[in-house]
Amino acid sequence: MPTALLIADVGDARDAVGLYLAGRGWTTVPMIPRPGKVRQAAAQLAPELVAIDFRGRLEDAVACLRALEGGPAPVYLFNAPEELESAAASVTRADGPADVPTAPGHPAPPH
């Protein structure tokens, strides 16, 4: 089962990104943006993908990004501010559907 760690505040923002990832075949494990706990969860779960939604407290989301940079899982940034930069090659800004991969083993749409 392809797993994505979803870092977002509780509420509609988390639900929106979680539903989007589910539609692409990902099983999400939601977490509140707390860098230490996020780093620990990423190490224990070994997700294939990490998604960070920036619609909550910006400082917390950035701290989580910094805690995950250079890790084995690719990190996708949802609703990230334009001026936010990352030197890590595994960090991708998710601006549209083509920016996030479909989960491995997820069947393509029939049309």
Protein backbone atom coordinates (compact mmCIF):
# COMPACT_ATOMS: atom_id res chain seq x y z
CA MET A 1 0.00 0.00 0.00
CA PRO A 2 1.72 3.25 -1.13
CA THR A 3 1.91 5.61 1.83
CA ALA A 4 2.11 9.39 1.90
CA LEU A 5 2.82 11.39 5.03
CA LEU A 6 0.50 14.42 4.96
CA ILE A 7 1.64 17.38 7.04
CA ALA A 8 -1.16 19.89 7.43
CA ASP A 9 -3.24 21.59 10.09
CA VAL A 10 -6.50 19.92 11.05
CA GLY A 11 -9.50 20.98 8.99
CA ASP A 12 -10.55 21.61 5.43
CA ALA A 13 -7.01 22.21 4.15
CA ARG A 14 -5.87 18.79 5.33
CA ASP A 15 -9.02 17.16 3.98
CA ALA A 16 -8.56 18.75 0.55
CA VAL A 17 -4.97 17.57 0.10
CA GLY A 18 -5.77 14.18 1.62
CA LEU A 19 -8.63 13.62 -0.81
CA TYR A 20 -6.46 14.75 -3.72
CA LEU A 21 -3.73 12.27 -2.76
CA ALA A 22 -6.30 9.50 -2.24
CA GLY A 23 -7.58 10.14 -5.76
CA ARG A 24 -4.03 9.54 -7.01
CA GLY A 25 -3.90 6.22 -5.12
CA TRP A 26 -2.03 7.29 -1.97
CA THR A 27 -2.94 6.18 1.55
CA THR A 28 -2.25 9.20 3.73
CA VAL A 29 -1.06 9.38 7.30
CA PRO A 30 -1.99 12.89 8.50
CA MET A 31 0.21 14.78 10.96
CA ILE A 32 0.10 18.20 12.56
CA PRO A 33 3.17 20.26 11.52
CA ARG A 34 5.59 19.57 14.38
CA PRO A 35 9.13 19.09 13.00
CA GLY A 36 10.46 16.64 15.58
CA LYS A 37 7.42 14.38 15.41
CA VAL A 38 7.30 14.61 11.62
CA ARG A 39 10.96 13.60 11.28
CA GLN A 40 10.41 10.68 13.66
CA ALA A 41 7.26 9.52 11.82
CA ALA A 42 9.03 9.73 8.46
CA ALA A 43 11.86 7.56 9.79
CA GLN A 44 9.47 4.98 11.28
CA LEU A 45 6.92 4.83 8.45
CA ALA A 46 9.30 5.19 5.50
CA PRO A 47 6.60 6.79 3.30
CA GLU A 48 7.05 6.87 -0.45
CA LEU A 49 5.92 10.50 -0.52
CA VAL A 50 5.61 13.43 1.89
CA ALA A 51 3.11 16.25 1.29
CA ILE A 52 3.27 19.55 3.18
CA ASP A 53 0.34 21.97 2.98
CA PHE A 54 1.33 25.55 3.79
CA ARG A 55 -2.17 26.94 4.49
CA GLY A 56 -1.63 26.73 8.25
CA ARG A 57 1.12 28.37 10.29
CA LEU A 58 3.87 29.13 7.79
CA GLU A 59 6.69 28.84 10.35
CA ASP A 60 5.64 25.31 11.32
CA ALA A 61 5.35 24.15 7.71
CA VAL A 62 8.79 25.58 6.84
CA ALA A 63 10.32 23.92 9.92
CA CYS A 64 8.87 20.57 8.81
CA LEU A 65 10.27 21.06 5.33
CA ARG A 66 13.73 21.79 6.75
CA ALA A 67 13.48 18.71 8.98
CA LEU A 68 12.74 16.49 5.96
CA GLU A 69 15.13 17.95 3.36
CA GLY A 70 17.66 15.40 2.24
CA GLY A 71 15.56 12.48 3.43
CA PRO A 72 14.77 9.46 1.26
CA ALA A 73 11.14 10.38 0.46
CA PRO A 74 10.32 13.07 -2.09
CA VAL A 75 8.59 16.08 -0.55
CA TYR A 76 5.74 17.87 -2.36
CA LEU A 77 4.77 21.39 -1.30
CA PHE A 78 1.12 22.40 -1.56
CA ASN A 79 0.16 26.08 -1.41
CA ALA A 80 3.75 27.07 -0.66
CA PRO A 81 4.69 30.76 -0.85
CA GLU A 82 6.46 31.75 -4.06
CA GLU A 83 9.55 33.00 -2.22
CA LEU A 84 10.10 29.68 -0.42
CA GLU A 85 13.23 27.93 -1.67
CA SER A 86 14.79 24.57 -1.04
CA ALA A 87 18.18 23.34 -2.13
CA ALA A 88 17.07 19.70 -1.90
CA ALA A 89 16.54 18.02 -5.25
CA SER A 90 13.77 15.87 -3.80
CA VAL A 91 11.52 18.87 -3.02
CA THR A 92 8.86 19.73 -5.63
CA ARG A 93 6.29 22.51 -5.65
CA ALA A 94 2.88 20.93 -6.33
CA ASP A 95 1.10 23.56 -8.39
CA GLY A 96 -1.05 21.21 -10.45
CA PRO A 97 -2.08 17.59 -10.97
CA ALA A 98 0.94 16.77 -13.13
CA ASP A 99 3.29 17.72 -10.28
CA VAL A 100 2.33 14.80 -8.00
CA PRO A 101 2.89 11.23 -9.15
CA THR A 102 0.22 8.57 -9.09
CA ALA A 103 0.86 5.95 -6.42
CA PRO A 104 2.70 2.84 -7.58
CA GLY A 105 0.24 0.11 -8.55
CA HIS A 106 -2.68 2.55 -8.83
CA PRO A 107 -4.62 1.79 -12.01
CA ALA A 108 -4.98 4.49 -14.62
CA PRO A 109 -8.44 5.98 -15.23
CA PRO A 110 -10.48 3.92 -17.72
CA HIS A 111 -10.91 6.90 -20.11
